[in-house]
C-alpha atoms as a PDB file:
ATOM      1  CA  UNK A   1     138.738  69.827 134.433  1.00  0.00           C
ATOM      2  CA  UNK A   2     142.553  70.102 133.045  1.00  0.00           C
ATOM      3  CA  UNK A   3     143.778  73.245 130.839  1.00  0.00           C
ATOM      4  CA  UNK A   4     143.894  71.013 127.671  1.00  0.00           C
ATOM      5  CA  UNK A   5     139.891  70.034 127.932  1.00  0.00           C
ATOM      6  CA  UNK A   6     139.104  73.889 128.689  1.00  0.00           C
ATOM      7  CA  UNK A   7     140.842  75.238 125.796  1.00  0.00           C
ATOM      8  CA  UNK A   8     139.431  72.373 123.635  1.00  0.00           C
ATOM      9  CA  UNK A   9     136.076  73.486 124.893  1.00  0.00           C
ATOM     10  CA  UNK A  10     136.540  77.313 124.198  1.00  0.00           C
ATOM     11  CA  UNK A  11     137.895  76.822 121.105  1.00  0.00           C
ATOM     12  CA  UNK A  12     134.840  74.395 119.865  1.00  0.00           C
ATOM     13  CA  UNK A  13     132.405  77.248 121.184  1.00  0.00           C
ATOM     14  CA  UNK A  14     134.228  79.847 119.305  1.00  0.00           C
ATOM     15  CA  UNK A  15     134.802  77.909 116.103  1.00  0.00           C
ATOM     16  CA  UNK A  16     130.843  77.139 116.215  1.00  0.00           C
ATOM     17  CA  UNK A  17     130.131  80.856 116.558  1.00  0.00           C
ATOM     18  CA  UNK A  18     132.101  81.589 113.548  1.00  0.00           C
ATOM     19  CA  UNK A  19     130.902  78.861 111.287  1.00  0.00           C
ATOM     20  CA  UNK A  20     127.027  80.174 112.521  1.00  0.00           C
ATOM     21  CA  UNK A  21     127.523  83.909 111.518  1.00  0.00           C
ATOM     22  CA  UNK A  22     129.596  83.136 108.630  1.00  0.00           C
ATOM     23  CA  UNK A  23     126.202  80.801 107.302  1.00  0.00           C
ATOM     24  CA  UNK A  24     123.899  83.696 108.062  1.00  0.00           C
ATOM     25  CA  UNK A  25     126.051  85.734 106.268  1.00  0.00           C
ATOM     26  CA  UNK A  26     126.142  83.461 103.193  1.00  0.00           C
ATOM     27  CA  UNK A  27     122.438  82.810 103.471  1.00  0.00           C
ATOM     28  CA  UNK A  28     121.830  86.909 103.548  1.00  0.00           C
ATOM     29  CA  UNK A  29     124.203  87.518 100.419  1.00  0.00           C
ATOM     30  CA  UNK A  30     122.638  84.664  98.345  1.00  0.00           C
ATOM     31  CA  UNK A  31     119.421  86.345  99.245  1.00  0.00           C
ATOM     32  CA  UNK A  32     120.326  89.656  98.132  1.00  0.00           C
ATOM     33  CA  UNK A  33     121.733  88.674  95.043  1.00  0.00           C
ATOM     34  CA  UNK A  34     118.352  86.748  94.240  1.00  0.00           C
ATOM     35  CA  UNK A  35     116.394  89.797  95.189  1.00  0.00           C
ATOM     36  CA  UNK A  36     118.744  92.128  92.764  1.00  0.00           C
ATOM     37  CA  UNK A  37     118.490  89.464  90.223  1.00  0.00           C
ATOM     38  CA  UNK A  38     114.730  89.224  90.043  1.00  0.00           C
ATOM     39  CA  UNK A  39     114.379  93.273  90.296  1.00  0.00           C
ATOM     40  CA  UNK A  40     116.470  93.554  87.518  1.00  0.00           C
ATOM     41  CA  UNK A  41     114.504  91.146  85.317  1.00  0.00           C
ATOM     42  CA  UNK A  42     111.055  92.379  86.314  1.00  0.00           C
ATOM     43  CA  UNK A  43     112.397  96.132  85.306  1.00  0.00           C
ATOM     44  CA  UNK A  44     113.688  95.149  81.834  1.00  0.00           C
ATOM     45  CA  UNK A  45     110.822  93.203  80.686  1.00  0.00           C
ATOM     46  CA  UNK A  46     108.308  95.690  82.212  1.00  0.00           C
ATOM     47  CA  UNK A  47     110.513  98.749  80.447  1.00  0.00           C
ATOM     48  CA  UNK A  48     110.220  96.377  76.867  1.00  0.00           C
ATOM     49  CA  UNK A  49     106.553  96.327  77.548  1.00  0.00           C
ATOM     50  CA  UNK A  50     106.023 100.135  78.147  1.00  0.00           C
ATOM     51  CA  UNK A  51     108.338 100.821  75.195  1.00  0.00           C
ATOM     52  CA  UNK A  52     105.836  99.217  73.103  1.00  0.00           C
ATOM     53  CA  UNK A  53     102.966 101.463  74.316  1.00  0.00           C
ATOM     54  CA  UNK A  54     101.903  99.008  76.883  1.00  0.00           C
ATOM     55  CA  UNK A  55     100.703  99.742  80.401  1.00  0.00           C
ATOM     56  CA  UNK A  56     102.070  97.517  83.234  1.00  0.00           C
ATOM     57  CA  UNK A  57     101.278  97.450  87.159  1.00  0.00           C
ATOM     58  CA  UNK A  58     103.459  94.917  88.560  1.00  0.00           C
ATOM     59  CA  UNK A  59     103.541  93.828  92.011  1.00  0.00           C
ATOM     60  CA  UNK A  60     105.952  91.445  93.710  1.00  0.00           C
ATOM     61  CA  UNK A  61     105.553  90.237  97.474  1.00  0.00           C
ATOM     62  CA  UNK A  62     107.483  87.925  99.361  1.00  0.00           C
ATOM     63  CA  UNK A  63     106.885  86.697 102.896  1.00  0.00           C
ATOM     64  CA  UNK A  64     109.356  88.664 105.284  1.00  0.00           C
ATOM     65  CA  UNK A  65     111.129  90.627 102.704  1.00  0.00           C
ATOM     66  CA  UNK A  66     108.784  93.134 101.474  1.00  0.00           C
ATOM     67  CA  UNK A  67     107.273  94.296  98.474  1.00  0.00           C
ATOM     68  CA  UNK A  68     108.355  95.896  95.508  1.00  0.00           C
ATOM     69  CA  UNK A  69     105.863  97.673  92.771  1.00  0.00           C
ATOM     70  CA  UNK A  70     106.271  98.861  89.191  1.00  0.00           C
ATOM     71  CA  UNK A  71     104.040 100.954  87.558  1.00  0.00           C
ATOM     72  CA  UNK A  72     104.551 101.967  84.040  1.00  0.00           C
ATOM     73  CA  UNK A  73     102.918 103.436  81.096  1.00  0.00           C
ATOM     74  CA  UNK A  74     104.001 104.630  77.776  1.00  0.00           C
ATOM     75  CA  UNK A  75     104.076 108.355  79.380  1.00  0.00           C
ATOM     76  CA  UNK A  76     105.750 107.758  83.076  1.00  0.00           C
ATOM     77  CA  UNK A  77     108.052 105.378  84.989  1.00  0.00           C
ATOM     78  CA  UNK A  78     107.631 104.713  88.999  1.00  0.00           C
ATOM     79  CA  UNK A  79     109.575 102.400  90.846  1.00  0.00           C
ATOM     80  CA  UNK A  80     108.407 102.038  94.379  1.00  0.00           C
ATOM     81  CA  UNK A  81     110.622  99.142  96.626  1.00  0.00           C
ATOM     82  CA  UNK A  82     108.944  99.508  99.875  1.00  0.00           C
ATOM     83  CA  UNK A  83     109.086  97.503 102.954  1.00  0.00           C
ATOM     84  CA  UNK A  84     105.660  95.664 104.048  1.00  0.00           C
END
């Protein structure tokens, strides 16, 4: 194998690895933003219900992502975001 073919092969492998890592990073960033938006929405809804004198026990579980549980009543607020 000559030098040009070797350089092309190495560059191709490196570019492929960089593209893979960039894709995984973008996917993780998107998932984190979606989870943050979902938690903010759930929190605001539950706080609104609790502020009107209600009691809410909301639990959200996603496969591979863990579990979020919100317990709200008119007297207390508790947020537990634990991994499953």
